[in-house]
C-alpha atoms as a PDB file:
ATOM      1  CA  MET A   1      75.694 105.934 101.638  1.00  0.00           C
ATOM      2  CA  HIS A   2      79.190 105.808 100.044  1.00  0.00           C
ATOM      3  CA  PHE A   3      80.077 108.892 101.861  1.00  0.00           C
ATOM      4  CA  LEU A   4      78.920 107.316 105.135  1.00  0.00           C
ATOM      5  CA  ARG A   5      80.966 104.170 104.308  1.00  0.00           C
ATOM      6  CA  ARG A   6      84.075 106.333 103.674  1.00  0.00           C
ATOM      7  CA  VAL A   7      83.709 108.175 106.960  1.00  0.00           C
ATOM      8  CA  MET A   8      83.283 104.993 108.784  1.00  0.00           C
ATOM      9  CA  VAL A   9      86.313 103.278 107.256  1.00  0.00           C
ATOM     10  CA  PHE A  10      88.341 106.553 107.948  1.00  0.00           C
ATOM     11  CA  LEU A  11      87.330 106.787 111.714  1.00  0.00           C
ATOM     12  CA  ALA A  12      87.935 102.929 112.070  1.00  0.00           C
ATOM     13  CA  SER A  13      91.484 103.341 110.476  1.00  0.00           C
ATOM     14  CA  LEU A  14      92.123 106.460 112.616  1.00  0.00           C
ATOM     15  CA  ILE A  15      91.035 104.750 115.923  1.00  0.00           C
ATOM     16  CA  THR A  16      93.169 101.570 114.879  1.00  0.00           C
ATOM     17  CA  LEU A  17      96.166 103.877 114.096  1.00  0.00           C
ATOM     18  CA  THR A  18      95.900 105.887 117.208  1.00  0.00           C
ATOM     19  CA  GLY A  19      95.276 102.820 119.385  1.00  0.00           C
ATOM     20  CA  ALA A  20      98.167 100.993 118.161  1.00  0.00           C
ATOM     21  CA  THR A  21     100.490 104.040 118.411  1.00  0.00           C
ATOM     22  CA  VAL A  22      99.448 104.556 122.132  1.00  0.00           C
ATOM     23  CA  LEU A  23     100.035 101.008 122.842  1.00  0.00           C
ATOM     24  CA  LEU A  24     103.358 100.919 121.060  1.00  0.00           C
ATOM     25  CA  ALA A  25     105.016 104.317 121.863  1.00  0.00           C
ATOM     26  CA  SER A  26     105.219 106.851 124.605  1.00  0.00           C
ATOM     27  CA  PRO A  27     104.019 110.300 123.836  1.00  0.00           C
ATOM     28  CA  ALA A  28     106.658 112.965 123.358  1.00  0.00           C
ATOM     29  CA  GLN A  29     106.457 116.467 124.733  1.00  0.00           C
ATOM     30  CA  ALA A  30     108.950 118.160 122.493  1.00  0.00           C
ATOM     31  CA  ALA A  31     108.908 121.978 122.145  1.00  0.00           C
ATOM     32  CA  THR A  32     108.707 122.215 118.430  1.00  0.00           C
ATOM     33  CA  SER A  33     108.040 124.610 115.687  1.00  0.00           C
ATOM     34  CA  CYS A  34     107.576 124.334 111.981  1.00  0.00           C
ATOM     35  CA  SER A  35     111.176 125.505 111.260  1.00  0.00           C
ATOM     36  CA  GLY A  36     114.518 124.066 110.665  1.00  0.00           C
ATOM     37  CA  THR A  37     116.134 121.966 107.821  1.00  0.00           C
ATOM     38  CA  ILE A  38     113.362 120.646 105.616  1.00  0.00           C
ATOM     39  CA  THR A  39     113.979 116.740 105.258  1.00  0.00           C
ATOM     40  CA  TYR A  40     110.681 115.693 103.683  1.00  0.00           C
ATOM     41  CA  SER A  41     107.929 117.532 101.744  1.00  0.00           C
ATOM     42  CA  ASP A  42     104.969 115.925  99.825  1.00  0.00           C
ATOM     43  CA  THR A  43     101.713 117.360  98.554  1.00  0.00           C
ATOM     44  CA  VAL A  44      98.198 115.962  98.134  1.00  0.00           C
ATOM     45  CA  SER A  45      95.963 117.083  95.225  1.00  0.00           C
ATOM     46  CA  ARG A  46      92.312 116.967  94.453  1.00  0.00           C
ATOM     47  CA  SER A  47      91.120 117.125  90.842  1.00  0.00           C
ATOM     48  CA  GLY A  48      94.619 118.109  89.801  1.00  0.00           C
ATOM     49  CA  SER A  49      95.201 121.014  92.193  1.00  0.00           C
ATOM     50  CA  VAL A  50      97.339 120.797  95.469  1.00  0.00           C
ATOM     51  CA  ILE A  51      95.292 121.180  98.672  1.00  0.00           C
ATOM     52  CA  GLY A  52      97.692 120.238 101.333  1.00  0.00           C
ATOM     53  CA  GLU A  53     101.392 119.799 101.902  1.00  0.00           C
ATOM     54  CA  LEU A  54     103.040 117.721 104.800  1.00  0.00           C
ATOM     55  CA  VAL A  55     106.686 119.033 105.771  1.00  0.00           C
ATOM     56  CA  ILE A  56     108.972 117.314 108.022  1.00  0.00           C
ATOM     57  CA  TYR A  57     111.706 119.732 109.789  1.00  0.00           C
ATOM     58  CA  TYR A  58     115.000 118.589 111.590  1.00  0.00           C
ATOM     59  CA  ASN A  59     117.237 120.497 114.089  1.00  0.00           C
ATOM     60  CA  THR A  60     119.991 119.234 116.209  1.00  0.00           C
ATOM     61  CA  SER A  61     118.511 120.233 119.640  1.00  0.00           C
ATOM     62  CA  ASN A  62     117.626 117.439 122.239  1.00  0.00           C
ATOM     63  CA  GLY A  63     119.679 114.885 120.479  1.00  0.00           C
ATOM     64  CA  GLY A  64     117.891 115.575 117.262  1.00  0.00           C
ATOM     65  CA  THR A  65     114.417 117.034 117.054  1.00  0.00           C
ATOM     66  CA  ASN A  66     112.057 116.487 114.063  1.00  0.00           C
ATOM     67  CA  SER A  67     108.787 118.274 113.779  1.00  0.00           C
ATOM     68  CA  ALA A  68     105.942 118.263 111.269  1.00  0.00           C
ATOM     69  CA  CYS A  69     103.141 120.445 110.046  1.00  0.00           C
ATOM     70  CA  PHE A  70     100.449 119.792 107.618  1.00  0.00           C
ATOM     71  CA  TYR A  71      99.781 123.038 105.594  1.00  0.00           C
ATOM     72  CA  HIS A  72      96.691 124.138 103.433  1.00  0.00           C
ATOM     73  CA  ARG A  73      97.733 125.077  99.998  1.00  0.00           C
ATOM     74  CA  GLY A  74      95.740 126.291  96.884  1.00  0.00           C
ATOM     75  CA  VAL A  75      91.965 126.499  97.257  1.00  0.00           C
ATOM     76  CA  SER A  76      92.154 125.152 100.847  1.00  0.00           C
ATOM     77  CA  TYR A  77      94.443 127.990 102.086  1.00  0.00           C
ATOM     78  CA  GLY A  78      92.464 130.152 104.541  1.00  0.00           C
ATOM     79  CA  VAL A  79      89.530 127.783 104.424  1.00  0.00           C
ATOM     80  CA  ALA A  80      88.679 125.928 107.811  1.00  0.00           C
ATOM     81  CA  ALA A  81      88.894 122.280 107.185  1.00  0.00           C
ATOM     82  CA  PRO A  82      89.437 119.267 109.430  1.00  0.00           C
ATOM     83  CA  THR A  83      93.074 118.751 109.306  1.00  0.00           C
ATOM     84  CA  SER A  84      95.616 116.464 111.360  1.00  0.00           C
ATOM     85  CA  ILE A  85      99.163 115.798 111.858  1.00  0.00           C
ATOM     86  CA  GLN A  86     101.352 113.512 113.959  1.00  0.00           C
ATOM     87  CA  ILE A  87     105.064 112.621 113.897  1.00  0.00           C
ATOM     88  CA  LEU A  88     106.698 109.224 115.170  1.00  0.00           C
ATOM     89  CA  ARG A  89     110.296 108.416 116.055  1.00  0.00           C
ATOM     90  CA  CYS A  90     110.993 105.034 114.626  1.00  0.00           C
ATOM     91  CA  SER A  91     113.118 102.179 116.180  1.00  0.00           C
ATOM     92  CA  GLN A  92     114.614 101.797 112.777  1.00  0.00           C
ATOM     93  CA  THR A  93     117.901 103.553 111.264  1.00  0.00           C
ATOM     94  CA  SER A  94     117.269 102.945 107.647  1.00  0.00           C
ATOM     95  CA  GLY A  95     114.657 101.863 105.063  1.00  0.00           C
ATOM     96  CA  ILE A  96     113.410 105.176 103.551  1.00  0.00           C
ATOM     97  CA  GLY A  97     109.699 104.927 102.781  1.00  0.00           C
ATOM     98  CA  GLN A  98     109.063 101.664 104.744  1.00  0.00           C
ATOM     99  CA  VAL A  99     106.816 101.007 107.722  1.00  0.00           C
ATOM    100  CA  CYS A 100     107.783 102.578 111.060  1.00  0.00           C
ATOM    101  CA  THR A 101     107.894 100.761 114.160  1.00  0.00           C
ATOM    102  CA  PRO A 102     107.342 103.787 116.633  1.00  0.00           C
ATOM    103  CA  THR A 103     109.438 104.151 119.790  1.00  0.00           C
ATOM    104  CA  GLN A 104     107.966 107.610 120.550  1.00  0.00           C
ATOM    105  CA  ASN A 105     105.076 109.588 119.228  1.00  0.00           C
ATOM    106  CA  SER A 106     103.923 113.141 119.297  1.00  0.00           C
ATOM    107  CA  VAL A 107     100.455 114.027 120.631  1.00  0.00           C
ATOM    108  CA  PRO A 108      98.467 114.393 117.471  1.00  0.00           C
ATOM    109  CA  ASP A 109      97.202 117.773 116.489  1.00  0.00           C
ATOM    110  CA  ARG A 110      93.615 117.681 115.146  1.00  0.00           C
ATOM    111  CA  GLY A 111      91.345 120.478 114.544  1.00  0.00           C
ATOM    112  CA  ASN A 112      89.228 122.606 112.036  1.00  0.00           C
ATOM    113  CA  TYR A 113      92.129 124.864 110.859  1.00  0.00           C
ATOM    114  CA  ALA A 114      92.198 127.322 108.014  1.00  0.00           C
ATOM    115  CA  TYR A 115      96.255 127.384 107.591  1.00  0.00           C
ATOM    116  CA  TYR A 116      97.941 124.368 109.128  1.00  0.00           C
ATOM    117  CA  ALA A 117      97.872 121.609 111.665  1.00  0.00           C
ATOM    118  CA  GLY A 118     101.002 121.453 113.903  1.00  0.00           C
ATOM    119  CA  PRO A 119     103.699 121.761 114.805  1.00  0.00           C
ATOM    120  CA  VAL A 120     104.110 118.349 116.364  1.00  0.00           C
ATOM    121  CA  GLY A 121     107.637 116.873 117.309  1.00  0.00           C
ATOM    122  CA  VAL A 122     109.746 114.130 118.637  1.00  0.00           C
ATOM    123  CA  THR A 123     113.127 114.411 120.292  1.00  0.00           C
ATOM    124  CA  GLY A 124     116.180 112.021 120.360  1.00  0.00           C
ATOM    125  CA  THR A 125     116.014 111.249 116.588  1.00  0.00           C
ATOM    126  CA  ALA A 126     119.483 111.740 115.652  1.00  0.00           C
ATOM    127  CA  ASN A 127     120.463 108.342 113.949  1.00  0.00           C
ATOM    128  CA  TYR A 128     116.906 107.163 113.688  1.00  0.00           C
ATOM    129  CA  CYS A 129     114.131 107.387 111.073  1.00  0.00           C
ATOM    130  CA  VAL A 130     110.900 109.333 111.587  1.00  0.00           C
ATOM    131  CA  SER A 131     107.508 108.999 110.106  1.00  0.00           C
ATOM    132  CA  ALA A 132     104.527 111.359 109.856  1.00  0.00           C
ATOM    133  CA  VAL A 133     100.982 111.024 108.859  1.00  0.00           C
ATOM    134  CA  GLY A 134      98.792 113.972 108.045  1.00  0.00           C
ATOM    135  CA  GLN A 135      95.439 114.675 106.343  1.00  0.00           C
ATOM    136  CA  ILE A 136      93.057 117.252 105.279  1.00  0.00           C
ATOM    137  CA  TRP A 137      89.358 116.643 104.721  1.00  0.00           C
ATOM    138  CA  TRP A 138      88.282 118.575 101.661  1.00  0.00           C
ATOM    139  CA  GLY A 139      84.626 118.266 100.271  1.00  0.00           C
ATOM    140  CA  ASP A 140      83.332 114.857 101.180  1.00  0.00           C
ATOM    141  CA  ARG A 141      86.598 112.782 101.791  1.00  0.00           C
ATOM    142  CA  GLY A 142      90.052 112.757 103.378  1.00  0.00           C
ATOM    143  CA  TYR A 143      93.328 113.199 101.580  1.00  0.00           C
ATOM    144  CA  PRO A 144      96.037 111.675 103.647  1.00  0.00           C
ATOM    145  CA  ILE A 145      99.797 111.622 103.427  1.00  0.00           C
ATOM    146  CA  ASP A 146     101.831 108.832 105.206  1.00  0.00           C
ATOM    147  CA  THR A 147     105.390 109.591 104.693  1.00  0.00           C
ATOM    148  CA  GLY A 148     106.852 105.968 105.807  1.00  0.00           C
ATOM    149  CA  ARG A 149     110.341 106.187 107.266  1.00  0.00           C
ATOM    150  CA  ARG A 150     112.155 109.346 106.519  1.00  0.00           C
ATOM    151  CA  GLY A 151     115.357 111.139 107.655  1.00  0.00           C
ATOM    152  CA  CYS A 152     117.293 107.949 108.168  1.00  0.00           C
END
């Protein structure tokens, strides 16, 4: 019962986030790769062991391009699990870690991956903050990372 409730809360949150993002921002069609200068990296753990890592990259093409990938780490590396990643360009130019008001968003990459989700990207990010949200489902629950504003 608790598992079902967790799944329902996660799905409701995901639908709300995705719906709000679609209404607030236009999708980006950036040609991206998981490479460039790393501007942010954070890991998520289960029982003290790292199982995932969200990384944001930056390069100067197209007025600044940020891309993001969510990597499987540790015991999840090479094991297929529901994994997702999305990156947003924010309207803000400062405020590290604060909530992003999106002006552009990548198409989310969601799937049953064994190594990573992504790359996803947004362009025109020079002088703007970006924010990324990624998650891996491991066992019976999701392990999310929400970066807040970064790269400002």
